[in-house]
Amino acid sequence: DAVYCKKMPSCFHETPLQSLLVWHRVDTVVLTGGSTSGCIRASAVDSLSRGYRTVVPMECVADKHESYHYANLTDLALKYADVVPVEEVLAHLRSAPEEGA
């Protein structure tokens, strides 16, 4: 696992994340976290802008207030990301072939 300390809402802003994803030929980014209206939204916009399929498991994000949370989940789903149940993400990961196999 790679751990980056970020200073801005997007996980891409001034971090080496983009280089890591390119190096490993990643095509999909799954975002989780505690600020749907801030960090998740900013990271989703940046992820899509960089050409990644962007996925937000709806049970793995939260916000300070329920109304902000659901408004941003709706907007993310309409414009920037696939907002799906976490079980759908887990099922996909379980069915993926092992790297190097």
N, C-alpha and C. Protein backbone atom coordinates (compact mmCIF):
# COMPACT_ATOMS: atom_id res chain seq x y z
N ASP A 1 0.83 -1.19 0.00
CA ASP A 1 0.00 0.00 0.00
C ASP A 1 0.87 1.25 0.00
N ALA A 2 0.42 2.25 -0.70
CA ALA A 2 1.10 3.54 -0.71
C ALA A 2 0.28 4.51 0.14
N VAL A 3 0.94 5.29 0.96
CA VAL A 3 0.27 6.28 1.80
C VAL A 3 0.86 7.65 1.46
N TYR A 4 -0.01 8.59 1.10
CA TYR A 4 0.41 9.95 0.79
C TYR A 4 -0.30 10.92 1.71
N CYS A 5 0.43 11.89 2.23
CA CYS A 5 -0.17 12.97 3.00
C CYS A 5 -0.53 14.08 2.02
N LYS A 6 -1.79 14.47 2.02
CA LYS A 6 -2.23 15.50 1.08
C LYS A 6 -2.62 16.76 1.82
N LYS A 7 -2.48 17.88 1.14
CA LYS A 7 -2.78 19.17 1.76
C LYS A 7 -4.03 19.81 1.20
N MET A 8 -4.54 19.27 0.12
CA MET A 8 -5.73 19.79 -0.53
C MET A 8 -6.77 18.67 -0.64
N PRO A 9 -8.03 19.00 -0.98
CA PRO A 9 -9.07 17.97 -1.00
C PRO A 9 -8.81 16.81 -1.97
N SER A 10 -8.27 17.08 -3.14
CA SER A 10 -8.08 16.00 -4.11
C SER A 10 -6.85 15.16 -3.77
N CYS A 11 -7.02 13.85 -3.89
CA CYS A 11 -5.88 12.95 -3.66
C CYS A 11 -4.84 13.07 -4.76
N PHE A 12 -5.17 13.72 -5.86
CA PHE A 12 -4.23 13.89 -6.97
C PHE A 12 -3.39 15.16 -6.84
N HIS A 13 -3.87 16.15 -6.10
CA HIS A 13 -3.21 17.46 -6.05
C HIS A 13 -1.87 17.38 -5.31
N GLU A 14 -0.80 17.64 -6.05
CA GLU A 14 0.55 17.68 -5.49
C GLU A 14 0.93 16.42 -4.70
N THR A 15 0.48 15.26 -5.21
CA THR A 15 0.91 13.97 -4.67
C THR A 15 1.45 13.14 -5.84
N PRO A 16 2.21 12.10 -5.56
CA PRO A 16 2.71 11.24 -6.63
C PRO A 16 1.71 10.16 -7.07
N LEU A 17 0.45 10.30 -6.68
CA LEU A 17 -0.55 9.26 -6.99
C LEU A 17 -0.66 8.99 -8.48
N GLN A 18 -0.73 10.03 -9.30
CA GLN A 18 -0.86 9.84 -10.75
C GLN A 18 0.28 8.97 -11.29
N SER A 19 1.50 9.24 -10.87
CA SER A 19 2.65 8.45 -11.33
C SER A 19 2.51 6.98 -10.92
N LEU A 20 2.07 6.74 -9.71
CA LEU A 20 1.89 5.36 -9.23
C LEU A 20 0.84 4.64 -10.07
N LEU A 21 -0.26 5.31 -10.36
CA LEU A 21 -1.33 4.69 -11.14
C LEU A 21 -0.87 4.39 -12.57
N VAL A 22 -0.14 5.30 -13.16
CA VAL A 22 0.38 5.08 -14.51
C VAL A 22 1.37 3.92 -14.50
N TRP A 23 2.27 3.91 -13.53
CA TRP A 23 3.29 2.85 -13.43
C TRP A 23 2.63 1.46 -13.37
N HIS A 24 1.54 1.37 -12.62
CA HIS A 24 0.85 0.08 -12.44
C HIS A 24 -0.26 -0.15 -13.46
N ARG A 25 -0.39 0.74 -14.42
CA ARG A 25 -1.39 0.63 -15.49
C ARG A 25 -2.81 0.50 -14.95
N VAL A 26 -3.11 1.29 -13.97
CA VAL A 26 -4.44 1.31 -13.35
C VAL A 26 -5.40 2.05 -14.27
N ASP A 27 -6.62 1.52 -14.40
CA ASP A 27 -7.62 2.21 -15.21
C ASP A 27 -8.85 2.62 -14.42
N THR A 28 -8.93 2.17 -13.16
CA THR A 28 -10.11 2.45 -12.33
C THR A 28 -9.66 2.90 -10.95
N VAL A 29 -10.32 3.93 -10.43
CA VAL A 29 -10.03 4.44 -9.09
C VAL A 29 -11.30 4.28 -8.25
N VAL A 30 -11.16 3.67 -7.07
CA VAL A 30 -12.26 3.52 -6.12
C VAL A 30 -11.99 4.48 -4.97
N LEU A 31 -12.94 5.39 -4.74
CA LEU A 31 -12.75 6.42 -3.71
C LEU A 31 -13.60 6.15 -2.48
N THR A 32 -12.99 6.27 -1.30
CA THR A 32 -13.70 6.15 -0.03
C THR A 32 -13.22 7.28 0.87
N GLY A 33 -14.03 7.67 1.84
CA GLY A 33 -13.57 8.70 2.76
C GLY A 33 -14.69 9.39 3.50
N GLY A 34 -14.30 10.38 4.30
CA GLY A 34 -15.22 11.02 5.23
C GLY A 34 -15.72 12.39 4.84
N SER A 35 -15.54 12.80 3.60
CA SER A 35 -16.05 14.11 3.19
C SER A 35 -16.53 14.04 1.75
N THR A 36 -17.76 13.54 1.58
CA THR A 36 -18.32 13.39 0.24
C THR A 36 -18.31 14.70 -0.52
N SER A 37 -18.65 15.79 0.15
CA SER A 37 -18.75 17.09 -0.53
C SER A 37 -17.40 17.75 -0.74
N GLY A 38 -16.35 17.25 -0.09
CA GLY A 38 -15.03 17.86 -0.21
C GLY A 38 -14.05 16.94 -0.92
N CYS A 39 -13.40 16.10 -0.15
CA CYS A 39 -12.32 15.26 -0.69
C CYS A 39 -12.80 14.26 -1.73
N ILE A 40 -13.91 13.61 -1.49
CA ILE A 40 -14.41 12.63 -2.45
C ILE A 40 -14.79 13.31 -3.75
N ARG A 41 -15.51 14.41 -3.66
CA ARG A 41 -15.92 15.13 -4.86
C ARG A 41 -14.70 15.64 -5.65
N ALA A 42 -13.76 16.28 -4.97
CA ALA A 42 -12.58 16.82 -5.64
C ALA A 42 -11.76 15.71 -6.28
N SER A 43 -11.60 14.62 -5.57
CA SER A 43 -10.83 13.49 -6.11
C SER A 43 -11.55 12.84 -7.28
N ALA A 44 -12.87 12.76 -7.23
CA ALA A 44 -13.65 12.17 -8.32
C ALA A 44 -13.53 13.01 -9.59
N VAL A 45 -13.63 14.32 -9.45
CA VAL A 45 -13.50 15.21 -10.61
C VAL A 45 -12.10 15.07 -11.21
N ASP A 46 -11.08 15.08 -10.37
CA ASP A 46 -9.70 14.94 -10.86
C ASP A 46 -9.46 13.57 -11.47
N SER A 47 -10.02 12.53 -10.88
CA SER A 47 -9.86 11.18 -11.41
C SER A 47 -10.48 11.06 -12.80
N LEU A 48 -11.70 11.52 -12.95
CA LEU A 48 -12.36 11.50 -14.25
C LEU A 48 -11.59 12.34 -15.26
N SER A 49 -11.12 13.50 -14.83
CA SER A 49 -10.37 14.40 -15.72
C SER A 49 -9.08 13.77 -16.21
N ARG A 50 -8.55 12.82 -15.46
CA ARG A 50 -7.32 12.13 -15.85
C ARG A 50 -7.60 10.84 -16.64
N GLY A 51 -8.88 10.58 -16.89
CA GLY A 51 -9.25 9.46 -17.73
C GLY A 51 -9.52 8.15 -17.02
N TYR A 52 -9.66 8.17 -15.70
CA TYR A 52 -9.92 6.94 -14.96
C TYR A 52 -11.42 6.70 -14.82
N ARG A 53 -11.79 5.44 -14.86
CA ARG A 53 -13.15 5.09 -14.43
C ARG A 53 -13.13 5.32 -12.93
N THR A 54 -14.11 6.04 -12.44
CA THR A 54 -14.12 6.43 -11.04
C THR A 54 -15.34 5.81 -10.36
N VAL A 55 -15.10 5.13 -9.24
CA VAL A 55 -16.15 4.41 -8.53
C VAL A 55 -16.20 4.90 -7.09
N VAL A 56 -17.42 5.15 -6.61
CA VAL A 56 -17.62 5.55 -5.21
C VAL A 56 -18.60 4.56 -4.58
N PRO A 57 -18.10 3.67 -3.69
CA PRO A 57 -19.02 2.77 -2.98
C PRO A 57 -19.83 3.59 -1.96
N MET A 58 -21.13 3.62 -2.14
CA MET A 58 -21.95 4.57 -1.37
C MET A 58 -21.91 4.37 0.14
N GLU A 59 -21.65 3.15 0.59
CA GLU A 59 -21.58 2.92 2.04
C GLU A 59 -20.21 3.27 2.62
N CYS A 60 -19.27 3.67 1.79
CA CYS A 60 -17.90 3.93 2.23
C CYS A 60 -17.53 5.40 2.21
N VAL A 61 -18.54 6.26 2.14
CA VAL A 61 -18.32 7.70 2.17
C VAL A 61 -19.34 8.33 3.12
N ALA A 62 -19.00 9.51 3.63
CA ALA A 62 -19.87 10.19 4.59
C ALA A 62 -19.60 11.69 4.50
N ASP A 63 -20.41 12.45 5.20
CA ASP A 63 -20.22 13.89 5.26
C ASP A 63 -20.76 14.40 6.58
N LYS A 64 -20.52 15.69 6.84
CA LYS A 64 -20.94 16.29 8.12
C LYS A 64 -22.46 16.29 8.29
N HIS A 65 -23.17 16.43 7.19
CA HIS A 65 -24.62 16.48 7.25
C HIS A 65 -25.20 15.61 6.14
N GLU A 66 -26.24 14.90 6.46
CA GLU A 66 -26.85 13.97 5.52
C GLU A 66 -27.27 14.64 4.21
N SER A 67 -27.78 15.87 4.28
CA SER A 67 -28.25 16.53 3.06
C SER A 67 -27.09 16.82 2.11
N TYR A 68 -25.93 17.26 2.63
CA TYR A 68 -24.76 17.50 1.79
C TYR A 68 -24.28 16.19 1.16
N HIS A 69 -24.29 15.16 1.99
CA HIS A 69 -23.83 13.84 1.56
C HIS A 69 -24.65 13.34 0.37
N TYR A 70 -25.96 13.31 0.51
CA TYR A 70 -26.80 12.76 -0.55
C TYR A 70 -26.85 13.66 -1.78
N ALA A 71 -26.80 14.97 -1.58
CA ALA A 71 -26.77 15.88 -2.73
C ALA A 71 -25.51 15.65 -3.55
N ASN A 72 -24.38 15.47 -2.88
CA ASN A 72 -23.12 15.25 -3.60
C ASN A 72 -23.04 13.86 -4.21
N LEU A 73 -23.58 12.85 -3.54
CA LEU A 73 -23.62 11.51 -4.15
C LEU A 73 -24.43 11.55 -5.45
N THR A 74 -25.56 12.25 -5.41
CA THR A 74 -26.39 12.37 -6.61
C THR A 74 -25.64 13.07 -7.73
N ASP A 75 -24.99 14.17 -7.41
CA ASP A 75 -24.24 14.92 -8.41
C ASP A 75 -23.06 14.11 -8.96
N LEU A 76 -22.36 13.42 -8.08
CA LEU A 76 -21.25 12.56 -8.52
C LEU A 76 -21.76 11.50 -9.49
N ALA A 77 -22.88 10.88 -9.16
CA ALA A 77 -23.44 9.83 -10.00
C ALA A 77 -23.88 10.37 -11.36
N LEU A 78 -24.37 11.58 -11.39
CA LEU A 78 -24.83 12.18 -12.64
C LEU A 78 -23.69 12.63 -13.55
N LYS A 79 -22.55 13.01 -12.95
CA LYS A 79 -21.51 13.66 -13.74
C LYS A 79 -20.14 12.98 -13.73
N TYR A 80 -19.71 12.43 -12.60
CA TYR A 80 -18.30 12.12 -12.43
C TYR A 80 -17.93 10.69 -12.10
N ALA A 81 -18.83 9.92 -11.53
CA ALA A 81 -18.43 8.61 -11.00
C ALA A 81 -19.58 7.63 -11.04
N ASP A 82 -19.23 6.35 -10.95
CA ASP A 82 -20.22 5.31 -10.74
C ASP A 82 -20.40 5.19 -9.23
N VAL A 83 -21.55 5.59 -8.74
CA VAL A 83 -21.86 5.48 -7.31
C VAL A 83 -22.66 4.19 -7.16
N VAL A 84 -22.06 3.22 -6.49
CA VAL A 84 -22.63 1.87 -6.44
C VAL A 84 -22.56 1.30 -5.03
N PRO A 85 -23.35 0.27 -4.75
CA PRO A 85 -23.24 -0.38 -3.44
C PRO A 85 -21.86 -1.03 -3.27
N VAL A 86 -21.36 -1.04 -2.06
CA VAL A 86 -20.03 -1.59 -1.79
C VAL A 86 -19.97 -3.07 -2.18
N GLU A 87 -21.05 -3.79 -2.02
CA GLU A 87 -21.05 -5.22 -2.37
C GLU A 87 -20.77 -5.42 -3.86
N GLU A 88 -21.23 -4.48 -4.70
CA GLU A 88 -20.94 -4.56 -6.14
C GLU A 88 -19.44 -4.40 -6.40
N VAL A 89 -18.81 -3.50 -5.68
CA VAL A 89 -17.36 -3.29 -5.83
C VAL A 89 -16.61 -4.53 -5.35
N LEU A 90 -16.99 -5.05 -4.21
CA LEU A 90 -16.32 -6.23 -3.66
C LEU A 90 -16.49 -7.44 -4.57
N ALA A 91 -17.67 -7.63 -5.14
CA ALA A 91 -17.91 -8.75 -6.04
C ALA A 91 -17.01 -8.64 -7.27
N HIS A 92 -16.87 -7.42 -7.78
CA HIS A 92 -15.99 -7.21 -8.94
C HIS A 92 -14.53 -7.52 -8.59
N LEU A 93 -14.10 -7.05 -7.42
CA LEU A 93 -12.72 -7.30 -7.01
C LEU A 93 -12.46 -8.79 -6.80
N ARG A 94 -13.45 -9.49 -6.23
CA ARG A 94 -13.28 -10.93 -6.01
C ARG A 94 -13.19 -11.69 -7.33
N SER A 95 -13.86 -11.20 -8.37
CA SER A 95 -13.87 -11.90 -9.65
C SER A 95 -12.69 -11.55 -10.54
N ALA A 96 -11.94 -10.52 -10.17
CA ALA A 96 -10.80 -10.09 -10.99
C ALA A 96 -9.67 -11.10 -10.91
N PRO A 97 -9.00 -11.34 -12.03
CA PRO A 97 -7.86 -12.28 -11.98
C PRO A 97 -6.71 -11.70 -11.15
N GLU A 98 -5.96 -12.58 -10.53
CA GLU A 98 -4.79 -12.15 -9.76
C GLU A 98 -3.75 -11.53 -10.68
N GLU A 99 -3.10 -10.47 -10.24
CA GLU A 99 -2.05 -9.84 -11.03
C GLU A 99 -0.89 -10.82 -11.20
N GLY A 100 -0.44 -10.97 -12.43
CA GLY A 100 0.68 -11.85 -12.72
C GLY A 100 0.29 -13.30 -12.91
N ALA A 101 -1.02 -13.58 -12.79
CA ALA A 101 -1.48 -14.97 -12.95
C ALA A 101 -1.71 -15.33 -14.39
